[in-house]
Amino acid sequence: MSTTTSDLGEKVMARLRVIEGFASILMENNSFKGDAGSRFSPQLDHLSESVLHEAMYMLAEQAQDQLLQLMNAAGGAQ
């Protein structure tokens, strides 16, 4: 099964949009630990924050793998 470069590009962009949106929502809602002088308390406990970091890392790793596939496919097309 061959994946076209446009399919790979769309997969990379989709993962990056999810990561960006996810981070934006979390930051806007003060979900992460802030400065010591911050007037907001974090909404996430340590375990929940760790799970979110891991999920974002996995999405970023998938995007990186697909970006490498895209670059290899584009190099082979030249």
N, C-alpha and C. Protein backbone atom coordinates (compact mmCIF):
# COMPACT_ATOMS: atom_id res chain seq x y z
N MET A 1 0.84 -1.17 0.00
CA MET A 1 0.00 0.00 0.00
C MET A 1 0.89 1.24 0.00
N SER A 2 0.76 2.04 -1.01
CA SER A 2 1.57 3.24 -1.16
C SER A 2 0.79 4.46 -0.71
N THR A 3 1.46 5.30 0.04
CA THR A 3 0.84 6.54 0.50
C THR A 3 1.38 7.68 -0.35
N THR A 4 0.48 8.48 -0.90
CA THR A 4 0.92 9.59 -1.74
C THR A 4 1.50 10.71 -0.88
N THR A 5 2.29 11.56 -1.53
CA THR A 5 2.89 12.67 -0.79
C THR A 5 1.83 13.62 -0.26
N SER A 6 0.74 13.80 -1.01
CA SER A 6 -0.31 14.70 -0.51
C SER A 6 -0.99 14.11 0.72
N ASP A 7 -1.16 12.78 0.75
CA ASP A 7 -1.74 12.13 1.93
C ASP A 7 -0.82 12.29 3.14
N LEU A 8 0.48 12.09 2.93
CA LEU A 8 1.44 12.25 4.02
C LEU A 8 1.47 13.69 4.51
N GLY A 9 1.45 14.62 3.58
CA GLY A 9 1.45 16.04 3.96
C GLY A 9 0.22 16.40 4.77
N GLU A 10 -0.93 15.87 4.38
CA GLU A 10 -2.16 16.15 5.12
C GLU A 10 -2.13 15.53 6.52
N LYS A 11 -1.55 14.33 6.64
CA LYS A 11 -1.43 13.70 7.96
C LYS A 11 -0.53 14.51 8.88
N VAL A 12 0.58 15.01 8.34
CA VAL A 12 1.48 15.84 9.14
C VAL A 12 0.76 17.10 9.59
N MET A 13 0.10 17.78 8.67
CA MET A 13 -0.59 19.02 9.00
C MET A 13 -1.72 18.78 10.01
N ALA A 14 -2.43 17.67 9.88
CA ALA A 14 -3.51 17.37 10.82
C ALA A 14 -2.97 17.19 12.23
N ARG A 15 -1.87 16.47 12.37
CA ARG A 15 -1.29 16.27 13.69
C ARG A 15 -0.77 17.59 14.28
N LEU A 16 -0.17 18.41 13.45
CA LEU A 16 0.32 19.70 13.93
C LEU A 16 -0.83 20.61 14.35
N ARG A 17 -1.95 20.57 13.61
CA ARG A 17 -3.13 21.36 14.01
C ARG A 17 -3.67 20.89 15.35
N VAL A 18 -3.70 19.58 15.57
CA VAL A 18 -4.19 19.04 16.83
C VAL A 18 -3.28 19.47 17.98
N ILE A 19 -1.98 19.35 17.78
CA ILE A 19 -1.02 19.74 18.83
C ILE A 19 -1.18 21.23 19.15
N GLU A 20 -1.25 22.06 18.12
CA GLU A 20 -1.37 23.50 18.33
C GLU A 20 -2.68 23.85 19.04
N GLY A 21 -3.78 23.24 18.61
CA GLY A 21 -5.07 23.50 19.23
C GLY A 21 -5.12 23.02 20.67
N PHE A 22 -4.57 21.85 20.90
CA PHE A 22 -4.53 21.26 22.23
C PHE A 22 -3.74 22.16 23.18
N ALA A 23 -2.58 22.59 22.75
CA ALA A 23 -1.74 23.46 23.59
C ALA A 23 -2.43 24.80 23.85
N SER A 24 -3.08 25.35 22.84
CA SER A 24 -3.77 26.62 22.99
C SER A 24 -4.89 26.53 24.02
N ILE A 25 -5.69 25.48 23.93
CA ILE A 25 -6.79 25.29 24.89
C ILE A 25 -6.25 25.16 26.30
N LEU A 26 -5.22 24.35 26.47
CA LEU A 26 -4.66 24.14 27.81
C LEU A 26 -4.06 25.42 28.38
N MET A 27 -3.35 26.18 27.55
CA MET A 27 -2.73 27.41 28.04
C MET A 27 -3.78 28.47 28.36
N GLU A 28 -4.82 28.58 27.53
CA GLU A 28 -5.87 29.57 27.77
C GLU A 28 -6.65 29.28 29.05
N ASN A 29 -6.71 28.02 29.43
CA ASN A 29 -7.46 27.63 30.62
C ASN A 29 -6.56 27.47 31.84
N ASN A 30 -5.32 27.94 31.74
CA ASN A 30 -4.38 27.88 32.86
C ASN A 30 -4.29 26.47 33.45
N SER A 31 -4.21 25.49 32.56
CA SER A 31 -4.19 24.10 33.00
C SER A 31 -2.83 23.66 33.51
N PHE A 32 -1.77 24.29 33.02
CA PHE A 32 -0.43 23.90 33.44
C PHE A 32 0.03 24.72 34.62
N LYS A 33 1.05 24.21 35.29
CA LYS A 33 1.63 24.93 36.42
C LYS A 33 2.20 26.26 35.93
N GLY A 34 1.91 27.32 36.65
CA GLY A 34 2.40 28.63 36.25
C GLY A 34 3.54 29.07 37.13
N ASP A 35 3.81 30.35 37.10
CA ASP A 35 4.85 30.93 37.94
C ASP A 35 4.44 30.83 39.40
N ALA A 36 5.42 30.90 40.27
CA ALA A 36 5.14 30.85 41.70
C ALA A 36 4.25 32.02 42.12
N GLY A 37 4.40 33.15 41.46
CA GLY A 37 3.62 34.33 41.80
C GLY A 37 2.30 34.43 41.04
N SER A 38 1.97 33.42 40.27
CA SER A 38 0.75 33.45 39.48
C SER A 38 -0.48 33.43 40.37
N ARG A 39 -1.49 34.19 39.97
CA ARG A 39 -2.72 34.22 40.78
C ARG A 39 -3.65 33.07 40.41
N PHE A 40 -3.30 32.31 39.38
CA PHE A 40 -4.12 31.17 38.97
C PHE A 40 -3.50 29.87 39.47
N SER A 41 -4.34 28.99 39.94
CA SER A 41 -3.83 27.67 40.32
C SER A 41 -4.05 26.72 39.15
N PRO A 42 -3.13 25.79 38.93
CA PRO A 42 -3.28 24.87 37.80
C PRO A 42 -4.50 23.97 37.98
N GLN A 43 -5.14 23.65 36.86
CA GLN A 43 -6.32 22.80 36.90
C GLN A 43 -5.98 21.32 36.81
N LEU A 44 -4.75 21.01 36.47
CA LEU A 44 -4.35 19.62 36.30
C LEU A 44 -3.43 19.19 37.43
N ASP A 45 -3.60 17.95 37.86
CA ASP A 45 -2.65 17.41 38.82
C ASP A 45 -1.45 16.87 38.05
N HIS A 46 -0.44 16.43 38.77
CA HIS A 46 0.81 16.00 38.14
C HIS A 46 0.59 14.84 37.17
N LEU A 47 -0.22 13.85 37.54
CA LEU A 47 -0.45 12.69 36.69
C LEU A 47 -1.16 13.09 35.40
N SER A 48 -2.19 13.92 35.52
CA SER A 48 -2.92 14.36 34.32
C SER A 48 -2.03 15.16 33.39
N GLU A 49 -1.20 16.01 33.96
CA GLU A 49 -0.29 16.80 33.14
C GLU A 49 0.71 15.89 32.43
N SER A 50 1.18 14.86 33.12
CA SER A 50 2.13 13.91 32.51
C SER A 50 1.48 13.17 31.35
N VAL A 51 0.23 12.78 31.51
CA VAL A 51 -0.49 12.07 30.45
C VAL A 51 -0.65 12.98 29.23
N LEU A 52 -0.98 14.24 29.45
CA LEU A 52 -1.14 15.17 28.34
C LEU A 52 0.19 15.42 27.63
N HIS A 53 1.25 15.54 28.38
CA HIS A 53 2.58 15.71 27.77
C HIS A 53 2.92 14.50 26.91
N GLU A 54 2.63 13.30 27.41
CA GLU A 54 2.92 12.08 26.67
C GLU A 54 2.10 12.00 25.38
N ALA A 55 0.82 12.38 25.46
CA ALA A 55 -0.04 12.36 24.27
C ALA A 55 0.47 13.34 23.21
N MET A 56 0.87 14.52 23.64
CA MET A 56 1.39 15.50 22.69
C MET A 56 2.72 15.04 22.11
N TYR A 57 3.55 14.39 22.92
CA TYR A 57 4.82 13.86 22.44
C TYR A 57 4.57 12.79 21.38
N MET A 58 3.60 11.92 21.62
CA MET A 58 3.30 10.86 20.66
C MET A 58 2.81 11.44 19.33
N LEU A 59 1.94 12.45 19.40
CA LEU A 59 1.48 13.10 18.17
C LEU A 59 2.63 13.76 17.42
N ALA A 60 3.52 14.41 18.16
CA ALA A 60 4.67 15.07 17.54
C ALA A 60 5.59 14.04 16.90
N GLU A 61 5.78 12.91 17.56
CA GLU A 61 6.64 11.86 17.02
C GLU A 61 6.03 11.28 15.74
N GLN A 62 4.70 11.07 15.74
CA GLN A 62 4.04 10.57 14.53
C GLN A 62 4.19 11.57 13.39
N ALA A 63 4.01 12.86 13.70
CA ALA A 63 4.15 13.89 12.66
C ALA A 63 5.57 13.90 12.12
N GLN A 64 6.54 13.74 12.99
CA GLN A 64 7.94 13.73 12.56
C GLN A 64 8.20 12.53 11.65
N ASP A 65 7.71 11.35 12.02
CA ASP A 65 7.88 10.16 11.19
C ASP A 65 7.25 10.35 9.81
N GLN A 66 6.04 10.92 9.80
CA GLN A 66 5.36 11.12 8.52
C GLN A 66 6.04 12.21 7.70
N LEU A 67 6.61 13.20 8.36
CA LEU A 67 7.36 14.23 7.64
C LEU A 67 8.59 13.63 6.97
N LEU A 68 9.27 12.72 7.67
CA LEU A 68 10.42 12.03 7.07
C LEU A 68 9.99 11.19 5.87
N GLN A 69 8.85 10.51 5.99
CA GLN A 69 8.32 9.73 4.86
C GLN A 69 8.02 10.66 3.68
N LEU A 70 7.45 11.81 3.99
CA LEU A 70 7.12 12.78 2.95
C LEU A 70 8.38 13.28 2.25
N MET A 71 9.40 13.57 3.04
CA MET A 71 10.66 14.04 2.46
C MET A 71 11.30 12.95 1.60
N ASN A 72 11.25 11.71 2.07
CA ASN A 72 11.80 10.60 1.29
C ASN A 72 11.03 10.40 0.00
N ALA A 73 9.70 10.50 0.08
CA ALA A 73 8.87 10.34 -1.11
C ALA A 73 9.13 11.47 -2.10
N ALA A 74 9.29 12.68 -1.61
CA ALA A 74 9.56 13.82 -2.49
C ALA A 74 10.94 13.68 -3.12
N GLY A 75 11.90 13.17 -2.37
CA GLY A 75 13.24 12.97 -2.90
C GLY A 75 13.26 11.90 -3.98
N GLY A 76 12.44 10.88 -3.82
CA GLY A 76 12.36 9.81 -4.81
C GLY A 76 11.64 10.24 -6.08
N ALA A 77 10.83 11.28 -5.97
CA ALA A 77 10.07 11.75 -7.13
C ALA A 77 10.89 12.67 -8.03
N GLN A 78 12.05 13.12 -7.54
CA GLN A 78 12.86 14.06 -8.34
C GLN A 78 13.59 13.36 -9.45
